[in-house]
């Protein structure tokens, strides 16, 4: 199942099926769930408004090869801002919930430029790598990974940072924020590289913030993503992330709260 097929509703409206190719065990890759939620909500406002924030709470696992229904509710449509609630329902239960915020362009006396991507080795010098050592979830086959800093999951690295190049194995024929969301979540949770064997982990809350250019960037070469593990206490880990196009154009920022068990 290609990324474009993943983002195609089964009923032409708001029901989706996440194929086994986007799974990790019996459950769906979180980036796939977030992507279908993002895909539907971005169709609600007028095209000139940009999504500036997308905050997802993963409430329960989504089962692959089983229909999920995405419900979108407009919370407010103002002159400048629009807010929407997005719910992913499966078997009558809430599996994920998101709040999406869109904004129009306004004049501002302050402008702060984002940093360009850090220097990194040429991709030719960095071989493609697997997402994890000793564990290879099915969704991994959809992506190409290049670790410029840090290592794969469960590699026993002492780093608390990642700098990773991520791209689709088969670049999609079209593009949008949903494709970017899917790429962003393919980056492994940074703290888990310090483990030397498999431990269950789960993203609980994921807050994304997008620059206006994010919905137009060229997906062919993928993204560069940095991730830094700020702190981890009692199994709860907090990550700060920055995302650039392959050419170094700033696209997005995000934070994640991740639980690592055991």
C-alpha atoms as a PDB file:
ATOM      1  CA  UNK A   1       0.000   0.000   0.000  1.00  0.00           C
ATOM      2  CA  UNK A   2       1.577   3.288  -1.128  1.00  0.00           C
ATOM      3  CA  UNK A   3       1.346   6.472   0.935  1.00  0.00           C
ATOM      4  CA  UNK A   4      -1.178   7.877  -1.566  1.00  0.00           C
ATOM      5  CA  UNK A   5      -3.294   4.721  -1.237  1.00  0.00           C
ATOM      6  CA  UNK A   6      -3.062   4.997   2.547  1.00  0.00           C
ATOM      7  CA  UNK A   7      -4.456   8.539   2.321  1.00  0.00           C
ATOM      8  CA  UNK A   8      -7.357   7.540   0.052  1.00  0.00           C
ATOM      9  CA  UNK A   9     -10.628   7.090   2.009  1.00  0.00           C
ATOM     10  CA  UNK A  10     -12.392   3.786   1.426  1.00  0.00           C
ATOM     11  CA  UNK A  11     -15.821   5.391   1.130  1.00  0.00           C
ATOM     12  CA  UNK A  12     -14.736   8.517  -0.716  1.00  0.00           C
ATOM     13  CA  UNK A  13     -15.255  10.579   2.430  1.00  0.00           C
ATOM     14  CA  UNK A  14     -13.893   9.817   5.901  1.00  0.00           C
ATOM     15  CA  UNK A  15     -13.214   6.095   6.420  1.00  0.00           C
ATOM     16  CA  UNK A  16      -9.723   4.660   5.985  1.00  0.00           C
ATOM     17  CA  UNK A  17      -7.986   1.304   6.227  1.00  0.00           C
ATOM     18  CA  UNK A  18      -4.333   1.217   7.269  1.00  0.00           C
ATOM     19  CA  UNK A  19      -2.805  -1.777   5.521  1.00  0.00           C
ATOM     20  CA  UNK A  20      -0.537  -4.308   7.196  1.00  0.00           C
ATOM     21  CA  UNK A  21       2.415  -2.757   5.341  1.00  0.00           C
ATOM     22  CA  UNK A  22       2.047   0.234   7.670  1.00  0.00           C
ATOM     23  CA  UNK A  23       1.891  -1.852  10.825  1.00  0.00           C
ATOM     24  CA  UNK A  24       4.078  -2.766  13.742  1.00  0.00           C
ATOM     25  CA  UNK A  25       2.712  -6.083  14.888  1.00  0.00           C
ATOM     26  CA  UNK A  26      -1.094  -5.990  14.846  1.00  0.00           C
ATOM     27  CA  UNK A  27      -1.203  -2.234  15.406  1.00  0.00           C
ATOM     28  CA  UNK A  28      -0.719   0.630  12.985  1.00  0.00           C
ATOM     29  CA  UNK A  29       2.372   2.822  12.813  1.00  0.00           C
ATOM     30  CA  UNK A  30       1.418   6.030  14.638  1.00  0.00           C
ATOM     31  CA  UNK A  31       2.584   8.195  11.750  1.00  0.00           C
ATOM     32  CA  UNK A  32       0.036   6.492   9.491  1.00  0.00           C
ATOM     33  CA  UNK A  33      -2.815   7.224  11.901  1.00  0.00           C
ATOM     34  CA  UNK A  34      -1.738  10.847  12.309  1.00  0.00           C
ATOM     35  CA  UNK A  35      -1.340  11.203   8.537  1.00  0.00           C
ATOM     36  CA  UNK A  36      -4.904  10.160   7.697  1.00  0.00           C
ATOM     37  CA  UNK A  37      -6.219  12.503  10.415  1.00  0.00           C
ATOM     38  CA  UNK A  38      -4.128  15.343   9.006  1.00  0.00           C
ATOM     39  CA  UNK A  39      -5.175  14.549   5.430  1.00  0.00           C
ATOM     40  CA  UNK A  40      -8.875  14.959   6.181  1.00  0.00           C
ATOM     41  CA  UNK A  41      -8.671  18.044   8.395  1.00  0.00           C
ATOM     42  CA  UNK A  42      -6.501  19.986   5.928  1.00  0.00           C
ATOM     43  CA  UNK A  43      -9.399  19.834   3.459  1.00  0.00           C
ATOM     44  CA  UNK A  44     -11.670  21.856   5.762  1.00  0.00           C
ATOM     45  CA  UNK A  45     -10.369  25.476   5.672  1.00  0.00           C
ATOM     46  CA  UNK A  46      -9.886  27.637   2.600  1.00  0.00           C
ATOM     47  CA  UNK A  47      -6.626  26.894   0.711  1.00  0.00           C
ATOM     48  CA  UNK A  48      -4.989  30.218   1.620  1.00  0.00           C
ATOM     49  CA  UNK A  49      -4.972  29.329   5.321  1.00  0.00           C
ATOM     50  CA  UNK A  50      -1.976  27.412   6.642  1.00  0.00           C
ATOM     51  CA  UNK A  51      -1.955  24.757   9.307  1.00  0.00           C
ATOM     52  CA  UNK A  52       0.283  26.134  12.041  1.00  0.00           C
ATOM     53  CA  UNK A  53      -0.312  23.508  14.721  1.00  0.00           C
ATOM     54  CA  UNK A  54      -1.381  19.855  14.835  1.00  0.00           C
ATOM     55  CA  UNK A  55      -1.421  18.188  18.252  1.00  0.00           C
ATOM     56  CA  UNK A  56      -2.184  14.463  18.427  1.00  0.00           C
ATOM     57  CA  UNK A  57      -2.913  12.343  21.497  1.00  0.00           C
ATOM     58  CA  UNK A  58      -2.699   8.604  20.876  1.00  0.00           C
ATOM     59  CA  UNK A  59      -5.367   7.124  23.139  1.00  0.00           C
ATOM     60  CA  UNK A  60      -5.298   3.445  22.099  1.00  0.00           C
ATOM     61  CA  UNK A  61      -3.714   1.265  19.385  1.00  0.00           C
ATOM     62  CA  UNK A  62      -5.254   1.277  15.896  1.00  0.00           C
ATOM     63  CA  UNK A  63      -5.643  -2.175  14.362  1.00  0.00           C
ATOM     64  CA  UNK A  64      -4.321  -2.663  10.819  1.00  0.00           C
ATOM     65  CA  UNK A  65      -6.582  -3.967   8.046  1.00  0.00           C
ATOM     66  CA  UNK A  66      -9.619  -2.681   9.914  1.00  0.00           C
ATOM     67  CA  UNK A  67     -11.620   0.412   9.024  1.00  0.00           C
ATOM     68  CA  UNK A  68     -11.152   3.586  11.041  1.00  0.00           C
ATOM     69  CA  UNK A  69     -13.475   6.563  10.811  1.00  0.00           C
ATOM     70  CA  UNK A  70     -12.107  10.097  11.016  1.00  0.00           C
ATOM     71  CA  UNK A  71     -14.514  12.640  12.497  1.00  0.00           C
ATOM     72  CA  UNK A  72     -13.786  16.358  12.086  1.00  0.00           C
ATOM     73  CA  UNK A  73     -15.551  19.062  14.082  1.00  0.00           C
ATOM     74  CA  UNK A  74     -15.063  22.779  13.541  1.00  0.00           C
ATOM     75  CA  UNK A  75     -14.521  24.387  16.941  1.00  0.00           C
ATOM     76  CA  UNK A  76     -14.322  27.940  15.609  1.00  0.00           C
ATOM     77  CA  UNK A  77     -13.885  29.717  12.303  1.00  0.00           C
ATOM     78  CA  UNK A  78     -12.645  33.229  12.955  1.00  0.00           C
ATOM     79  CA  UNK A  79     -11.304  36.014  10.756  1.00  0.00           C
ATOM     80  CA  UNK A  80      -7.693  34.893  11.292  1.00  0.00           C
ATOM     81  CA  UNK A  81      -7.760  31.520  13.041  1.00  0.00           C
ATOM     82  CA  UNK A  82      -9.674  28.281  12.611  1.00  0.00           C
ATOM     83  CA  UNK A  83      -9.595  25.377  15.077  1.00  0.00           C
ATOM     84  CA  UNK A  84     -10.775  21.825  14.490  1.00  0.00           C
ATOM     85  CA  UNK A  85     -11.136  18.704  16.602  1.00  0.00           C
ATOM     86  CA  UNK A  86     -10.215  15.450  14.853  1.00  0.00           C
ATOM     87  CA  UNK A  87     -11.127  12.012  16.186  1.00  0.00           C
ATOM     88  CA  UNK A  88     -10.006   8.615  14.913  1.00  0.00           C
ATOM     89  CA  UNK A  89     -12.662   6.026  15.832  1.00  0.00           C
ATOM     90  CA  UNK A  90     -12.410   2.249  15.480  1.00  0.00           C
ATOM     91  CA  UNK A  91     -14.937  -0.326  16.685  1.00  0.00           C
ATOM     92  CA  UNK A  92     -16.847   2.474  18.395  1.00  0.00           C
ATOM     93  CA  UNK A  93     -13.838   3.532  20.501  1.00  0.00           C
ATOM     94  CA  UNK A  94     -11.675   6.646  20.377  1.00  0.00           C
ATOM     95  CA  UNK A  95      -8.173   5.640  19.249  1.00  0.00           C
ATOM     96  CA  UNK A  96      -6.596   9.073  18.650  1.00  0.00           C
ATOM     97  CA  UNK A  97      -7.610  12.695  19.063  1.00  0.00           C
ATOM     98  CA  UNK A  98      -6.098  15.840  17.546  1.00  0.00           C
ATOM     99  CA  UNK A  99      -6.525  19.601  17.570  1.00  0.00           C
ATOM    100  CA  UNK A 100      -5.632  21.381  14.320  1.00  0.00           C
ATOM    101  CA  UNK A 101      -5.131  25.146  14.094  1.00  0.00           C
ATOM    102  CA  UNK A 102      -5.073  27.089  10.810  1.00  0.00           C
ATOM    103  CA  UNK A 103      -4.125  30.742  10.375  1.00  0.00           C
ATOM    104  CA  UNK A 104      -4.358  33.395   7.724  1.00  0.00           C
ATOM    105  CA  UNK A 105      -1.443  35.678   6.873  1.00  0.00           C
ATOM    106  CA  UNK A 106      -1.171  38.789   9.048  1.00  0.00           C
ATOM    107  CA  UNK A 107       1.292  41.684   9.240  1.00  0.00           C
ATOM    108  CA  UNK A 108       3.683  41.560  12.186  1.00  0.00           C
ATOM    109  CA  UNK A 109       6.412  43.910  13.396  1.00  0.00           C
ATOM    110  CA  UNK A 110       8.565  40.937  14.412  1.00  0.00           C
ATOM    111  CA  UNK A 111      10.168  38.371  12.149  1.00  0.00           C
ATOM    112  CA  UNK A 112      12.516  35.668  13.444  1.00  0.00           C
ATOM    113  CA  UNK A 113      14.184  33.421  10.889  1.00  0.00           C
ATOM    114  CA  UNK A 114      14.494  29.685  11.506  1.00  0.00           C
ATOM    115  CA  UNK A 115      17.906  28.057  11.437  1.00  0.00           C
ATOM    116  CA  UNK A 116      18.953  26.137   8.340  1.00  0.00           C
ATOM    117  CA  UNK A 117      19.800  22.451   8.595  1.00  0.00           C
ATOM    118  CA  UNK A 118      23.120  21.505  10.240  1.00  0.00           C
ATOM    119  CA  UNK A 119      26.015  20.317   8.129  1.00  0.00           C
ATOM    120  CA  UNK A 120      25.990  16.589   7.478  1.00  0.00           C
ATOM    121  CA  UNK A 121      27.927  14.048   5.391  1.00  0.00           C
ATOM    122  CA  UNK A 122      27.000  13.492   1.776  1.00  0.00           C
ATOM    123  CA  UNK A 123      24.313  10.796   1.485  1.00  0.00           C
ATOM    124  CA  UNK A 124      26.566   8.799  -0.802  1.00  0.00           C
ATOM    125  CA  UNK A 125      28.970   8.373   2.132  1.00  0.00           C
ATOM    126  CA  UNK A 126      26.199   7.255   4.511  1.00  0.00           C
ATOM    127  CA  UNK A 127      24.706   3.840   3.749  1.00  0.00           C
ATOM    128  CA  UNK A 128      21.008   3.145   4.125  1.00  0.00           C
ATOM    129  CA  UNK A 129      20.354   1.640   7.554  1.00  0.00           C
ATOM    130  CA  UNK A 130      17.608  -0.280   9.272  1.00  0.00           C
ATOM    131  CA  UNK A 131      15.314   1.453  11.734  1.00  0.00           C
ATOM    132  CA  UNK A 132      16.091  -0.954  14.570  1.00  0.00           C
ATOM    133  CA  UNK A 133      18.693  -3.506  15.587  1.00  0.00           C
ATOM    134  CA  UNK A 134      17.139  -6.966  15.845  1.00  0.00           C
ATOM    135  CA  UNK A 135      13.591  -5.716  15.259  1.00  0.00           C
ATOM    136  CA  UNK A 136      12.236  -4.528  11.954  1.00  0.00           C
ATOM    137  CA  UNK A 137       8.590  -3.409  11.981  1.00  0.00           C
ATOM    138  CA  UNK A 138       6.775  -3.696   8.679  1.00  0.00           C
ATOM    139  CA  UNK A 139       6.270   0.045   8.216  1.00  0.00           C
ATOM    140  CA  UNK A 140      10.050   0.457   8.003  1.00  0.00           C
ATOM    141  CA  UNK A 141       9.995  -0.951   4.454  1.00  0.00           C
ATOM    142  CA  UNK A 142       8.272   2.245   3.270  1.00  0.00           C
ATOM    143  CA  UNK A 143      11.215   4.473   4.244  1.00  0.00           C
ATOM    144  CA  UNK A 144      14.900   5.048   3.598  1.00  0.00           C
ATOM    145  CA  UNK A 145      16.948   5.963   6.711  1.00  0.00           C
ATOM    146  CA  UNK A 146      20.353   7.672   6.882  1.00  0.00           C
ATOM    147  CA  UNK A 147      21.723   8.224  10.402  1.00  0.00           C
ATOM    148  CA  UNK A 148      24.116  11.184  10.368  1.00  0.00           C
ATOM    149  CA  UNK A 149      24.239  11.308  14.165  1.00  0.00           C
ATOM    150  CA  UNK A 150      23.045   8.759  16.697  1.00  0.00           C
ATOM    151  CA  UNK A 151      22.047   5.219  15.827  1.00  0.00           C
ATOM    152  CA  UNK A 152      19.086   2.920  15.183  1.00  0.00           C
ATOM    153  CA  UNK A 153      16.735   1.754  17.908  1.00  0.00           C
ATOM    154  CA  UNK A 154      18.197  -0.719  20.417  1.00  0.00           C
ATOM    155  CA  UNK A 155      21.752  -0.126  19.156  1.00  0.00           C
ATOM    156  CA  UNK A 156      23.219   0.614  22.604  1.00  0.00           C
ATOM    157  CA  UNK A 157      24.386   4.090  21.586  1.00  0.00           C
ATOM    158  CA  UNK A 158      25.203   6.595  24.344  1.00  0.00           C
ATOM    159  CA  UNK A 159      23.837   9.530  22.303  1.00  0.00           C
ATOM    160  CA  UNK A 160      20.781  11.535  23.308  1.00  0.00           C
ATOM    161  CA  UNK A 161      20.537  13.121  19.853  1.00  0.00           C
ATOM    162  CA  UNK A 162      19.564  12.049  16.361  1.00  0.00           C
ATOM    163  CA  UNK A 163      20.201  13.650  13.012  1.00  0.00           C
ATOM    164  CA  UNK A 164      18.467  11.468  10.448  1.00  0.00           C
ATOM    165  CA  UNK A 165      17.615  11.662   6.769  1.00  0.00           C
ATOM    166  CA  UNK A 166      14.234  10.068   6.008  1.00  0.00           C
ATOM    167  CA  UNK A 167      12.566   9.627   2.634  1.00  0.00           C
ATOM    168  CA  UNK A 168       9.884   7.461   1.080  1.00  0.00           C
ATOM    169  CA  UNK A 169      11.197   4.422  -0.780  1.00  0.00           C
ATOM    170  CA  UNK A 170       8.709   5.300  -3.511  1.00  0.00           C
ATOM    171  CA  UNK A 171       8.173   9.078  -3.667  1.00  0.00           C
ATOM    172  CA  UNK A 172       4.434   9.869  -3.898  1.00  0.00           C
ATOM    173  CA  UNK A 173       2.939  11.424  -7.005  1.00  0.00           C
ATOM    174  CA  UNK A 174       1.479  14.298  -4.972  1.00  0.00           C
ATOM    175  CA  UNK A 175       2.356  15.892  -1.663  1.00  0.00           C
ATOM    176  CA  UNK A 176       0.901  17.654   1.336  1.00  0.00           C
ATOM    177  CA  UNK A 177       1.200  18.050   5.073  1.00  0.00           C
ATOM    178  CA  UNK A 178      -0.116  14.527   5.656  1.00  0.00           C
ATOM    179  CA  UNK A 179       2.889  13.131   3.771  1.00  0.00           C
ATOM    180  CA  UNK A 180       5.212  15.251   5.891  1.00  0.00           C
ATOM    181  CA  UNK A 181       3.538  14.066   9.108  1.00  0.00           C
ATOM    182  CA  UNK A 182       4.076  10.461   8.048  1.00  0.00           C
ATOM    183  CA  UNK A 183       7.781  11.107   7.354  1.00  0.00           C
ATOM    184  CA  UNK A 184       8.277  12.940  10.650  1.00  0.00           C
ATOM    185  CA  UNK A 185       7.003  10.064  12.785  1.00  0.00           C
ATOM    186  CA  UNK A 186       9.249   7.574  10.995  1.00  0.00           C
ATOM    187  CA  UNK A 187      12.157   9.043  12.953  1.00  0.00           C
ATOM    188  CA  UNK A 188      12.894   6.644  15.835  1.00  0.00           C
ATOM    189  CA  UNK A 189      12.328   7.910  19.393  1.00  0.00           C
ATOM    190  CA  UNK A 190      15.775   9.205  20.277  1.00  0.00           C
ATOM    191  CA  UNK A 191      16.153   7.759  23.809  1.00  0.00           C
ATOM    192  CA  UNK A 192      15.506   4.201  22.606  1.00  0.00           C
ATOM    193  CA  UNK A 193      18.836   4.089  20.764  1.00  0.00           C
ATOM    194  CA  UNK A 194      20.444   3.726  24.212  1.00  0.00           C
ATOM    195  CA  UNK A 195      18.751   0.353  24.750  1.00  0.00           C
ATOM    196  CA  UNK A 196      20.621  -2.785  23.721  1.00  0.00           C
ATOM    197  CA  UNK A 197      17.498  -4.949  23.361  1.00  0.00           C
ATOM    198  CA  UNK A 198      13.812  -4.569  22.600  1.00  0.00           C
ATOM    199  CA  UNK A 199      11.597  -2.700  25.090  1.00  0.00           C
ATOM    200  CA  UNK A 200       8.020  -1.620  24.322  1.00  0.00           C
ATOM    201  CA  UNK A 201       7.569   2.093  23.699  1.00  0.00           C
ATOM    202  CA  UNK A 202       4.718   4.352  22.708  1.00  0.00           C
ATOM    203  CA  UNK A 203       4.273   7.976  21.715  1.00  0.00           C
ATOM    204  CA  UNK A 204       1.558   9.489  23.913  1.00  0.00           C
ATOM    205  CA  UNK A 205       1.361  13.130  22.779  1.00  0.00           C
ATOM    206  CA  UNK A 206       2.844  14.685  19.639  1.00  0.00           C
ATOM    207  CA  UNK A 207       2.720  18.450  19.064  1.00  0.00           C
ATOM    208  CA  UNK A 208       3.655  19.658  15.565  1.00  0.00           C
ATOM    209  CA  UNK A 209       4.135  23.226  14.330  1.00  0.00           C
ATOM    210  CA  UNK A 210       4.489  23.976  10.620  1.00  0.00           C
ATOM    211  CA  UNK A 211       5.990  26.822   8.599  1.00  0.00           C
ATOM    212  CA  UNK A 212       3.922  27.992   5.583  1.00  0.00           C
ATOM    213  CA  UNK A 213       6.330  26.442   3.072  1.00  0.00           C
ATOM    214  CA  UNK A 214       5.799  22.961   4.566  1.00  0.00           C
ATOM    215  CA  UNK A 215       2.797  22.125   2.393  1.00  0.00           C
ATOM    216  CA  UNK A 216       4.724  22.840  -0.837  1.00  0.00           C
ATOM    217  CA  UNK A 217       8.133  21.233  -0.287  1.00  0.00           C
ATOM    218  CA  UNK A 218       9.543  18.629  -2.668  1.00  0.00           C
ATOM    219  CA  UNK A 219       9.107  15.137  -1.182  1.00  0.00           C
ATOM    220  CA  UNK A 220      11.378  13.396  -3.652  1.00  0.00           C
ATOM    221  CA  UNK A 221      14.487  13.634  -1.449  1.00  0.00           C
ATOM    222  CA  UNK A 222      12.697  13.488   1.882  1.00  0.00           C
ATOM    223  CA  UNK A 223      13.512  15.363   5.077  1.00  0.00           C
ATOM    224  CA  UNK A 224      16.325  15.927   7.551  1.00  0.00           C
ATOM    225  CA  UNK A 225      15.226  15.620  11.172  1.00  0.00           C
ATOM    226  CA  UNK A 226      17.042  16.375  14.394  1.00  0.00           C
ATOM    227  CA  UNK A 227      15.757  15.051  17.698  1.00  0.00           C
ATOM    228  CA  UNK A 228      17.042  15.689  21.186  1.00  0.00           C
ATOM    229  CA  UNK A 229      16.006  13.808  24.307  1.00  0.00           C
ATOM    230  CA  UNK A 230      15.527  16.583  26.871  1.00  0.00           C
ATOM    231  CA  UNK A 231      14.810  14.394  29.888  1.00  0.00           C
ATOM    232  CA  UNK A 232      13.505  10.934  30.793  1.00  0.00           C
ATOM    233  CA  UNK A 233      12.096  10.106  34.250  1.00  0.00           C
ATOM    234  CA  UNK A 234      10.009   7.107  35.391  1.00  0.00           C
ATOM    235  CA  UNK A 235       9.600   5.902  31.801  1.00  0.00           C
ATOM    236  CA  UNK A 236       8.354   9.242  30.442  1.00  0.00           C
ATOM    237  CA  UNK A 237      10.719  10.824  27.893  1.00  0.00           C
ATOM    238  CA  UNK A 238      10.422  14.279  26.324  1.00  0.00           C
ATOM    239  CA  UNK A 239      11.824  15.038  22.862  1.00  0.00           C
ATOM    240  CA  UNK A 240      12.387  18.254  20.920  1.00  0.00           C
ATOM    241  CA  UNK A 241      12.540  17.931  17.141  1.00  0.00           C
ATOM    242  CA  UNK A 242      13.301  20.127  14.119  1.00  0.00           C
ATOM    243  CA  UNK A 243      12.600  19.291  10.489  1.00  0.00           C
ATOM    244  CA  UNK A 244      14.130  20.580   7.248  1.00  0.00           C
ATOM    245  CA  UNK A 245      13.812  19.706   3.591  1.00  0.00           C
ATOM    246  CA  UNK A 246      16.738  17.792   2.124  1.00  0.00           C
ATOM    247  CA  UNK A 247      17.988  21.118   0.746  1.00  0.00           C
ATOM    248  CA  UNK A 248      18.008  22.631   4.263  1.00  0.00           C
ATOM    249  CA  UNK A 249      14.755  24.637   4.176  1.00  0.00           C
ATOM    250  CA  UNK A 250      13.085  24.785   7.637  1.00  0.00           C
ATOM    251  CA  UNK A 251       9.695  23.042   7.563  1.00  0.00           C
ATOM    252  CA  UNK A 252       8.472  22.157  11.042  1.00  0.00           C
ATOM    253  CA  UNK A 253       9.116  21.814  14.760  1.00  0.00           C
ATOM    254  CA  UNK A 254       7.661  19.262  17.125  1.00  0.00           C
ATOM    255  CA  UNK A 255       7.738  17.870  20.653  1.00  0.00           C
ATOM    256  CA  UNK A 256       6.871  14.353  21.726  1.00  0.00           C
ATOM    257  CA  UNK A 257       6.095  12.645  25.016  1.00  0.00           C
ATOM    258  CA  UNK A 258       7.144   9.002  24.745  1.00  0.00           C
ATOM    259  CA  UNK A 259       6.701   6.160  27.245  1.00  0.00           C
ATOM    260  CA  UNK A 260       9.446   3.494  27.312  1.00  0.00           C
ATOM    261  CA  UNK A 261       8.501   0.420  29.341  1.00  0.00           C
ATOM    262  CA  UNK A 262      10.924  -1.808  31.213  1.00  0.00           C
END
